[in-house]
Amino acid sequence: MDETIVRITTASERMAREVTEYEVDRRVNNSRTVDPADPTLVAPVSA
């Protein structure tokens, strides 16, 4: 395998292990009425 491909694959796999996900406020999907500077939009939604 090409050295570049090996490096990209290694870096990609390392980064993928660090990615996390969580639900955010549904207002994120409404670009007409939401304040884009509101930091609570991307805060995790409590269950």
C-alpha atoms as a PDB file:
ATOM      1  CA  MET A   1       0.000   0.000   0.000  1.00  0.00           C
ATOM      2  CA  ASP A   2       1.207   3.494  -0.780  1.00  0.00           C
ATOM      3  CA  GLU A   3       2.866   5.215   2.216  1.00  0.00           C
ATOM      4  CA  THR A   4       0.501   8.188   1.930  1.00  0.00           C
ATOM      5  CA  ILE A   5      -2.548   5.930   2.097  1.00  0.00           C
ATOM      6  CA  VAL A   6      -1.142   4.167   5.144  1.00  0.00           C
ATOM      7  CA  ARG A   7      -0.547   7.482   6.928  1.00  0.00           C
ATOM      8  CA  ILE A   8      -4.009   8.788   6.073  1.00  0.00           C
ATOM      9  CA  THR A   9      -5.650   5.541   7.180  1.00  0.00           C
ATOM     10  CA  THR A  10      -3.718   5.504  10.456  1.00  0.00           C
ATOM     11  CA  ALA A  11      -4.588   9.125  11.234  1.00  0.00           C
ATOM     12  CA  SER A  12      -8.216   8.609  10.276  1.00  0.00           C
ATOM     13  CA  GLU A  13      -8.601   5.555  12.509  1.00  0.00           C
ATOM     14  CA  ARG A  14      -6.959   7.360  15.425  1.00  0.00           C
ATOM     15  CA  MET A  15      -9.269  10.355  15.047  1.00  0.00           C
ATOM     16  CA  ALA A  16     -12.377   8.199  14.635  1.00  0.00           C
ATOM     17  CA  ARG A  17     -11.827   6.698  18.091  1.00  0.00           C
ATOM     18  CA  GLU A  18     -11.948  10.193  19.598  1.00  0.00           C
ATOM     19  CA  VAL A  19     -15.174  11.349  17.921  1.00  0.00           C
ATOM     20  CA  THR A  20     -18.158  11.484  20.233  1.00  0.00           C
ATOM     21  CA  GLU A  21     -21.775  12.264  19.563  1.00  0.00           C
ATOM     22  CA  TYR A  22     -24.685  13.532  21.603  1.00  0.00           C
ATOM     23  CA  GLU A  23     -28.113  14.971  20.944  1.00  0.00           C
ATOM     24  CA  VAL A  24     -28.422  18.742  20.699  1.00  0.00           C
ATOM     25  CA  ASP A  25     -31.401  21.080  20.784  1.00  0.00           C
ATOM     26  CA  ARG A  26     -33.790  20.701  17.856  1.00  0.00           C
ATOM     27  CA  ARG A  27     -33.567  24.472  17.321  1.00  0.00           C
ATOM     28  CA  VAL A  28     -30.259  23.799  15.560  1.00  0.00           C
ATOM     29  CA  ASN A  29     -32.276  22.772  12.500  1.00  0.00           C
ATOM     30  CA  ASN A  30     -34.224  26.025  12.258  1.00  0.00           C
ATOM     31  CA  SER A  31     -31.999  28.606  10.593  1.00  0.00           C
ATOM     32  CA  ARG A  32     -34.778  31.207  10.284  1.00  0.00           C
ATOM     33  CA  THR A  33     -35.600  31.753  13.954  1.00  0.00           C
ATOM     34  CA  VAL A  34     -32.528  30.682  15.897  1.00  0.00           C
ATOM     35  CA  ASP A  35     -29.707  32.866  17.171  1.00  0.00           C
ATOM     36  CA  PRO A  36     -26.568  31.321  15.616  1.00  0.00           C
ATOM     37  CA  ALA A  37     -24.446  32.778  18.435  1.00  0.00           C
ATOM     38  CA  ASP A  38     -26.450  30.931  21.118  1.00  0.00           C
ATOM     39  CA  PRO A  39     -24.013  28.440  22.704  1.00  0.00           C
ATOM     40  CA  THR A  40     -26.841  26.423  24.255  1.00  0.00           C
ATOM     41  CA  LEU A  41     -27.750  25.105  20.800  1.00  0.00           C
ATOM     42  CA  VAL A  42     -24.860  22.673  20.785  1.00  0.00           C
ATOM     43  CA  ALA A  43     -24.961  21.794  24.478  1.00  0.00           C
ATOM     44  CA  PRO A  44     -25.940  18.185  25.141  1.00  0.00           C
ATOM     45  CA  VAL A  45     -29.668  17.723  25.674  1.00  0.00           C
ATOM     46  CA  SER A  46     -30.380  16.185  29.047  1.00  0.00           C
ATOM     47  CA  ALA A  47     -32.376  12.983  28.811  1.00  0.00           C
END
